Amino acid sequence: MAGPIYPDVPKTEGVPAVKRSAENPGTAAQSKMSGDTITVTGYRDDEWGIYKAGTKELALKADSVISVGFDAEYRIADYPIEEGGFETYDKVALPFLSRVLLSKGGTLEERSAFSRTLEDIRKDTELYSVVTPEQVYLNVNIARVSIDRSPEAGAGMIRADIVLQEIRQDASSSFSNTRDAASVDTVNNGSTLPATSAASTDGVQ
């Protein structure tokens, strides 16, 4: 007796994309969102992932974006007043953190390529953008990477927990045409050898 044409397997993490019916090929490229797994298919307004800054190119091509987190912290400065009270006078935003949890399956070659790319961008100083449908977090760089391999996820599944930190690019002021020479910007002319005084050369032949 012949078995079913299309397999009856659950759509869950670790299960490869299979053809489930004639109308539904079941490929990862056509699946937008299944359960709590968001599939990356390319850059559009509703896509998720880590992109190279200023481009529509994914910096890391994973099978799924499992979760995206955002953490913003502020330092509130205050000063004491009479009768033991305090008055707030400033609030400073610290660089935010974004957490992206990716999963990658496929063949050994595909998983190896994913791991190599992750290792390369983990060490670089390039800027990236974390894209979600509602918000794009600009100018971030990888601060921490955690890799998880577990029996529950399957031996052929890599889960990469990536923490990215905001990189602030402050504008620098220029005072090169100032009226007072003491206010001109400092210029780095390289290493300078100390000058030898005349007294130190007396008697030296």
C-alpha atoms as a PDB file:
ATOM      1  CA  MET A   1       0.000   0.000   0.000  1.00  0.00           C
ATOM      2  CA  ALA A   2       1.424   3.313  -1.071  1.00  0.00           C
ATOM      3  CA  GLY A   3       1.981   5.952   1.578  1.00  0.00           C
ATOM      4  CA  PRO A   4       0.656   9.522   1.459  1.00  0.00           C
ATOM      5  CA  ILE A   5       1.994  11.794  -1.258  1.00  0.00           C
ATOM      6  CA  TYR A   6       2.554  14.664   1.158  1.00  0.00           C
ATOM      7  CA  PRO A   7       4.077  14.024   4.620  1.00  0.00           C
ATOM      8  CA  ASP A   8       2.086  14.770   7.743  1.00  0.00           C
ATOM      9  CA  VAL A   9       4.714  16.530   9.877  1.00  0.00           C
ATOM     10  CA  PRO A  10       4.297  19.571  12.127  1.00  0.00           C
ATOM     11  CA  LYS A  11       5.450  23.027  11.106  1.00  0.00           C
ATOM     12  CA  THR A  12       7.907  23.691  13.893  1.00  0.00           C
ATOM     13  CA  GLU A  13      11.494  24.736  14.415  1.00  0.00           C
ATOM     14  CA  GLY A  14      13.992  22.166  13.193  1.00  0.00           C
ATOM     15  CA  VAL A  15      11.610  20.636  10.650  1.00  0.00           C
ATOM     16  CA  PRO A  16      12.786  21.325   7.093  1.00  0.00           C
ATOM     17  CA  ALA A  17      10.452  22.965   4.563  1.00  0.00           C
ATOM     18  CA  VAL A  18       8.556  20.158   2.785  1.00  0.00           C
ATOM     19  CA  LYS A  19       5.772  20.090   0.233  1.00  0.00           C
ATOM     20  CA  ARG A  20       2.549  19.603   2.201  1.00  0.00           C
ATOM     21  CA  SER A  21       0.004  19.977  -0.588  1.00  0.00           C
ATOM     22  CA  ALA A  22      -0.273  20.929  -4.238  1.00  0.00           C
ATOM     23  CA  GLU A  23      -1.349  24.454  -3.259  1.00  0.00           C
ATOM     24  CA  ASN A  24       1.206  24.915  -0.490  1.00  0.00           C
ATOM     25  CA  PRO A  25       4.786  24.052  -1.531  1.00  0.00           C
ATOM     26  CA  GLY A  26       5.939  24.768   2.016  1.00  0.00           C
ATOM     27  CA  THR A  27       9.170  26.493   1.072  1.00  0.00           C
ATOM     28  CA  ALA A  28      10.737  28.870   3.550  1.00  0.00           C
ATOM     29  CA  ALA A  29      10.728  31.691   0.982  1.00  0.00           C
ATOM     30  CA  GLN A  30       6.901  31.733   0.886  1.00  0.00           C
ATOM     31  CA  SER A  31       6.293  31.428   4.610  1.00  0.00           C
ATOM     32  CA  LYS A  32       5.971  34.780   6.341  1.00  0.00           C
ATOM     33  CA  MET A  33       5.257  33.812   9.909  1.00  0.00           C
ATOM     34  CA  SER A  34       4.591  30.468  11.562  1.00  0.00           C
ATOM     35  CA  GLY A  35       3.859  30.398  15.275  1.00  0.00           C
ATOM     36  CA  ASP A  36       6.552  32.421  17.023  1.00  0.00           C
ATOM     37  CA  THR A  37       9.035  32.131  14.151  1.00  0.00           C
ATOM     38  CA  ILE A  38       9.401  35.005  11.680  1.00  0.00           C
ATOM     39  CA  THR A  39      10.928  33.975   8.376  1.00  0.00           C
ATOM     40  CA  VAL A  40      13.320  36.315   6.615  1.00  0.00           C
ATOM     41  CA  THR A  41      12.739  36.408   2.865  1.00  0.00           C
ATOM     42  CA  GLY A  42      14.281  39.711   1.807  1.00  0.00           C
ATOM     43  CA  TYR A  43      14.044  43.400   2.563  1.00  0.00           C
ATOM     44  CA  ARG A  44      10.604  44.966   2.427  1.00  0.00           C
ATOM     45  CA  ASP A  45       8.712  47.196   4.832  1.00  0.00           C
ATOM     46  CA  ASP A  46       7.511  44.163   6.799  1.00  0.00           C
ATOM     47  CA  GLU A  47      10.804  42.236   6.921  1.00  0.00           C
ATOM     48  CA  TRP A  48      13.012  41.380   9.877  1.00  0.00           C
ATOM     49  CA  GLY A  49      16.768  40.930  10.190  1.00  0.00           C
ATOM     50  CA  ILE A  50      20.231  42.462  10.499  1.00  0.00           C
ATOM     51  CA  TYR A  51      21.155  44.541   7.454  1.00  0.00           C
ATOM     52  CA  LYS A  52      24.285  46.362   6.382  1.00  0.00           C
ATOM     53  CA  ALA A  53      23.845  50.042   7.209  1.00  0.00           C
ATOM     54  CA  GLY A  54      22.409  52.119   4.374  1.00  0.00           C
ATOM     55  CA  THR A  55      21.653  49.073   2.194  1.00  0.00           C
ATOM     56  CA  LYS A  56      18.923  46.493   1.619  1.00  0.00           C
ATOM     57  CA  GLU A  57      21.426  43.632   1.927  1.00  0.00           C
ATOM     58  CA  LEU A  58      21.170  41.167   4.787  1.00  0.00           C
ATOM     59  CA  ALA A  59      24.406  41.033   6.755  1.00  0.00           C
ATOM     60  CA  LEU A  60      23.549  37.540   8.001  1.00  0.00           C
ATOM     61  CA  LYS A  61      21.255  35.225   6.049  1.00  0.00           C
ATOM     62  CA  ALA A  62      19.389  33.009   8.496  1.00  0.00           C
ATOM     63  CA  ASP A  63      16.386  30.738   8.049  1.00  0.00           C
ATOM     64  CA  SER A  64      14.333  32.434  10.748  1.00  0.00           C
ATOM     65  CA  VAL A  65      14.309  35.410  13.075  1.00  0.00           C
ATOM     66  CA  ILE A  66      12.987  33.867  16.281  1.00  0.00           C
ATOM     67  CA  SER A  67      12.856  37.048  18.355  1.00  0.00           C
ATOM     68  CA  VAL A  68      13.958  40.686  18.449  1.00  0.00           C
ATOM     69  CA  GLY A  69      14.438  42.641  21.663  1.00  0.00           C
ATOM     70  CA  PHE A  70      15.211  46.266  22.488  1.00  0.00           C
ATOM     71  CA  ASP A  71      16.681  47.661  25.701  1.00  0.00           C
ATOM     72  CA  ALA A  72      17.019  51.413  26.332  1.00  0.00           C
ATOM     73  CA  GLU A  73      18.453  52.775  29.571  1.00  0.00           C
ATOM     74  CA  TYR A  74      18.572  56.324  30.896  1.00  0.00           C
ATOM     75  CA  ARG A  75      20.671  57.856  33.658  1.00  0.00           C
ATOM     76  CA  ILE A  76      18.772  60.428  35.690  1.00  0.00           C
ATOM     77  CA  ALA A  77      20.948  62.941  37.536  1.00  0.00           C
ATOM     78  CA  ASP A  78      19.598  64.770  40.589  1.00  0.00           C
ATOM     79  CA  TYR A  79      20.802  66.959  43.412  1.00  0.00           C
ATOM     80  CA  PRO A  80      19.779  67.293  47.083  1.00  0.00           C
ATOM     81  CA  ILE A  81      17.569  70.134  48.283  1.00  0.00           C
ATOM     82  CA  GLU A  82      16.367  71.201  51.702  1.00  0.00           C
ATOM     83  CA  GLU A  83      14.781  68.784  54.167  1.00  0.00           C
ATOM     84  CA  GLY A  84      16.343  65.717  52.585  1.00  0.00           C
ATOM     85  CA  GLY A  85      14.597  66.028  49.206  1.00  0.00           C
ATOM     86  CA  PHE A  86      16.073  65.658  45.717  1.00  0.00           C
ATOM     87  CA  GLU A  87      15.490  67.574  42.504  1.00  0.00           C
ATOM     88  CA  THR A  88      16.065  66.044  39.063  1.00  0.00           C
ATOM     89  CA  TYR A  89      18.034  68.246  36.676  1.00  0.00           C
ATOM     90  CA  ASP A  90      19.207  65.998  33.821  1.00  0.00           C
ATOM     91  CA  LYS A  91      18.421  62.770  31.962  1.00  0.00           C
ATOM     92  CA  VAL A  92      21.000  61.099  29.731  1.00  0.00           C
ATOM     93  CA  ALA A  93      20.219  58.302  27.277  1.00  0.00           C
ATOM     94  CA  LEU A  94      22.797  55.511  27.221  1.00  0.00           C
ATOM     95  CA  PRO A  95      23.516  53.597  23.995  1.00  0.00           C
ATOM     96  CA  PHE A  96      20.635  51.191  23.415  1.00  0.00           C
ATOM     97  CA  LEU A  97      20.957  47.438  22.983  1.00  0.00           C
ATOM     98  CA  SER A  98      19.111  45.263  20.481  1.00  0.00           C
ATOM     99  CA  ARG A  99      18.924  41.483  20.773  1.00  0.00           C
ATOM    100  CA  VAL A 100      18.273  39.314  17.701  1.00  0.00           C
ATOM    101  CA  LEU A 101      17.834  35.544  17.957  1.00  0.00           C
ATOM    102  CA  LEU A 102      18.429  33.766  14.632  1.00  0.00           C
ATOM    103  CA  SER A 103      18.210  30.135  13.594  1.00  0.00           C
ATOM    104  CA  LYS A 104      19.971  28.427  10.714  1.00  0.00           C
ATOM    105  CA  GLY A 105      19.488  24.881   9.445  1.00  0.00           C
ATOM    106  CA  GLY A 106      20.062  23.344   6.037  1.00  0.00           C
ATOM    107  CA  THR A 107      23.089  21.414   4.864  1.00  0.00           C
ATOM    108  CA  LEU A 108      26.452  21.254   6.591  1.00  0.00           C
ATOM    109  CA  GLU A 109      27.875  23.634   3.980  1.00  0.00           C
ATOM    110  CA  GLU A 110      25.069  26.157   4.545  1.00  0.00           C
ATOM    111  CA  ARG A 111      25.490  26.058   8.308  1.00  0.00           C
ATOM    112  CA  SER A 112      29.264  26.394   7.967  1.00  0.00           C
ATOM    113  CA  ALA A 113      28.870  29.435   5.697  1.00  0.00           C
ATOM    114  CA  PHE A 114      26.483  31.011   8.227  1.00  0.00           C
ATOM    115  CA  SER A 115      28.973  30.415  11.056  1.00  0.00           C
ATOM    116  CA  ARG A 116      31.856  31.899   9.061  1.00  0.00           C
ATOM    117  CA  THR A 117      29.867  35.014   8.188  1.00  0.00           C
ATOM    118  CA  LEU A 118      28.813  35.456  11.802  1.00  0.00           C
ATOM    119  CA  GLU A 119      32.428  35.125  12.935  1.00  0.00           C
ATOM    120  CA  ASP A 120      33.548  37.724  10.384  1.00  0.00           C
ATOM    121  CA  ILE A 121      30.978  40.380  11.267  1.00  0.00           C
ATOM    122  CA  ARG A 122      31.391  39.684  14.981  1.00  0.00           C
ATOM    123  CA  LYS A 123      34.932  41.090  14.815  1.00  0.00           C
ATOM    124  CA  ASP A 124      34.426  44.000  12.417  1.00  0.00           C
ATOM    125  CA  THR A 125      33.635  47.644  13.178  1.00  0.00           C
ATOM    126  CA  GLU A 126      31.018  48.166  10.468  1.00  0.00           C
ATOM    127  CA  LEU A 127      27.606  49.639  11.192  1.00  0.00           C
ATOM    128  CA  TYR A 128      24.398  47.621  10.845  1.00  0.00           C
ATOM    129  CA  SER A 129      20.640  48.154  11.126  1.00  0.00           C
ATOM    130  CA  VAL A 130      18.145  45.921  12.914  1.00  0.00           C
ATOM    131  CA  VAL A 131      14.934  45.977  10.854  1.00  0.00           C
ATOM    132  CA  THR A 132      11.441  45.200  12.163  1.00  0.00           C
ATOM    133  CA  PRO A 133       8.080  46.145  10.620  1.00  0.00           C
ATOM    134  CA  GLU A 134       7.477  48.923  13.134  1.00  0.00           C
ATOM    135  CA  GLN A 135      10.962  50.211  13.877  1.00  0.00           C
ATOM    136  CA  VAL A 136      14.460  50.269  12.402  1.00  0.00           C
ATOM    137  CA  TYR A 137      17.338  50.479  14.886  1.00  0.00           C
ATOM    138  CA  LEU A 138      20.176  52.288  13.123  1.00  0.00           C
ATOM    139  CA  ASN A 139      23.952  52.401  13.628  1.00  0.00           C
ATOM    140  CA  VAL A 140      24.554  49.302  15.717  1.00  0.00           C
ATOM    141  CA  ASN A 141      27.486  46.916  15.963  1.00  0.00           C
ATOM    142  CA  ILE A 142      27.733  43.418  17.422  1.00  0.00           C
ATOM    143  CA  ALA A 143      28.677  43.461  21.103  1.00  0.00           C
ATOM    144  CA  ARG A 144      28.061  39.805  22.019  1.00  0.00           C
ATOM    145  CA  VAL A 145      27.249  36.485  20.321  1.00  0.00           C
ATOM    146  CA  SER A 146      25.987  33.290  21.938  1.00  0.00           C
ATOM    147  CA  ILE A 147      25.616  30.035  19.980  1.00  0.00           C
ATOM    148  CA  ASP A 148      23.196  27.356  21.199  1.00  0.00           C
ATOM    149  CA  ARG A 149      23.161  23.761  19.949  1.00  0.00           C
ATOM    150  CA  SER A 150      20.710  21.487  21.749  1.00  0.00           C
ATOM    151  CA  PRO A 151      18.929  18.146  21.209  1.00  0.00           C
ATOM    152  CA  GLU A 152      15.577  19.932  21.448  1.00  0.00           C
ATOM    153  CA  ALA A 153      16.392  22.159  18.466  1.00  0.00           C
ATOM    154  CA  GLY A 154      18.010  19.346  16.503  1.00  0.00           C
ATOM    155  CA  ALA A 155      21.619  18.570  15.683  1.00  0.00           C
ATOM    156  CA  GLY A 156      21.283  20.340  12.338  1.00  0.00           C
ATOM    157  CA  MET A 157      20.050  23.644  13.792  1.00  0.00           C
ATOM    158  CA  ILE A 158      22.182  26.620  14.890  1.00  0.00           C
ATOM    159  CA  ARG A 159      20.611  29.229  17.175  1.00  0.00           C
ATOM    160  CA  ALA A 160      22.602  32.467  17.350  1.00  0.00           C
ATOM    161  CA  ASP A 161      21.734  35.020  20.035  1.00  0.00           C
ATOM    162  CA  ILE A 162      23.217  38.331  18.853  1.00  0.00           C
ATOM    163  CA  VAL A 163      23.367  41.482  20.997  1.00  0.00           C
ATOM    164  CA  LEU A 164      24.019  44.721  19.101  1.00  0.00           C
ATOM    165  CA  GLN A 165      24.882  48.072  20.686  1.00  0.00           C
ATOM    166  CA  GLU A 166      24.178  51.551  19.367  1.00  0.00           C
ATOM    167  CA  ILE A 167      27.267  53.338  18.026  1.00  0.00           C
ATOM    168  CA  ARG A 168      26.979  57.096  18.357  1.00  0.00           C
ATOM    169  CA  GLN A 169      28.727  59.265  15.827  1.00  0.00           C
ATOM    170  CA  ASP A 170      29.169  62.740  17.304  1.00  0.00           C
ATOM    171  CA  ALA A 171      29.903  65.691  15.052  1.00  0.00           C
ATOM    172  CA  SER A 172      33.211  67.444  15.754  1.00  0.00           C
ATOM    173  CA  SER A 173      33.553  71.218  15.795  1.00  0.00           C
ATOM    174  CA  SER A 174      36.161  72.999  13.704  1.00  0.00           C
ATOM    175  CA  PHE A 175      37.801  76.262  14.768  1.00  0.00           C
ATOM    176  CA  SER A 176      40.612  76.475  12.225  1.00  0.00           C
ATOM    177  CA  ASN A 177      39.894  80.112  11.256  1.00  0.00           C
ATOM    178  CA  THR A 178      39.702  81.554  14.745  1.00  0.00           C
ATOM    179  CA  ARG A 179      40.836  85.082  15.622  1.00  0.00           C
ATOM    180  CA  ASP A 180      42.809  83.832  18.639  1.00  0.00           C
ATOM    181  CA  ALA A 181      45.647  81.458  17.708  1.00  0.00           C
ATOM    182  CA  ALA A 182      45.242  79.653  21.037  1.00  0.00           C
ATOM    183  CA  SER A 183      41.748  78.508  19.974  1.00  0.00           C
ATOM    184  CA  VAL A 184      42.872  76.734  16.787  1.00  0.00           C
ATOM    185  CA  ASP A 185      42.248  72.969  16.663  1.00  0.00           C
ATOM    186  CA  THR A 186      45.099  70.722  17.724  1.00  0.00           C
ATOM    187  CA  VAL A 187      46.911  69.116  14.782  1.00  0.00           C
ATOM    188  CA  ASN A 188      48.686  65.774  15.054  1.00  0.00           C
ATOM    189  CA  ASN A 189      52.050  66.026  13.283  1.00  0.00           C
ATOM    190  CA  GLY A 190      53.251  62.604  14.383  1.00  0.00           C
ATOM    191  CA  SER A 191      55.998  61.726  16.855  1.00  0.00           C
ATOM    192  CA  THR A 192      58.402  64.517  17.828  1.00  0.00           C
ATOM    193  CA  LEU A 193      61.906  63.947  19.190  1.00  0.00           C
ATOM    194  CA  PRO A 194      62.889  66.004  22.243  1.00  0.00           C
ATOM    195  CA  ALA A 195      65.126  68.989  21.528  1.00  0.00           C
ATOM    196  CA  THR A 196      68.667  68.901  22.867  1.00  0.00           C
ATOM    197  CA  SER A 197      69.678  71.955  24.880  1.00  0.00           C
ATOM    198  CA  ALA A 198      72.953  73.749  24.298  1.00  0.00           C
ATOM    199  CA  ALA A 199      74.052  73.049  27.886  1.00  0.00           C
ATOM    200  CA  SER A 200      73.784  69.316  27.397  1.00  0.00           C
ATOM    201  CA  THR A 201      76.229  69.428  24.460  1.00  0.00           C
ATOM    202  CA  ASP A 202      78.963  71.369  26.216  1.00  0.00           C
ATOM    203  CA  GLY A 203      82.191  69.436  26.240  1.00  0.00           C
ATOM    204  CA  VAL A 204      80.905  66.812  23.845  1.00  0.00           C
ATOM    205  CA  GLN A 205      83.322  66.223  20.985  1.00  0.00           C
END
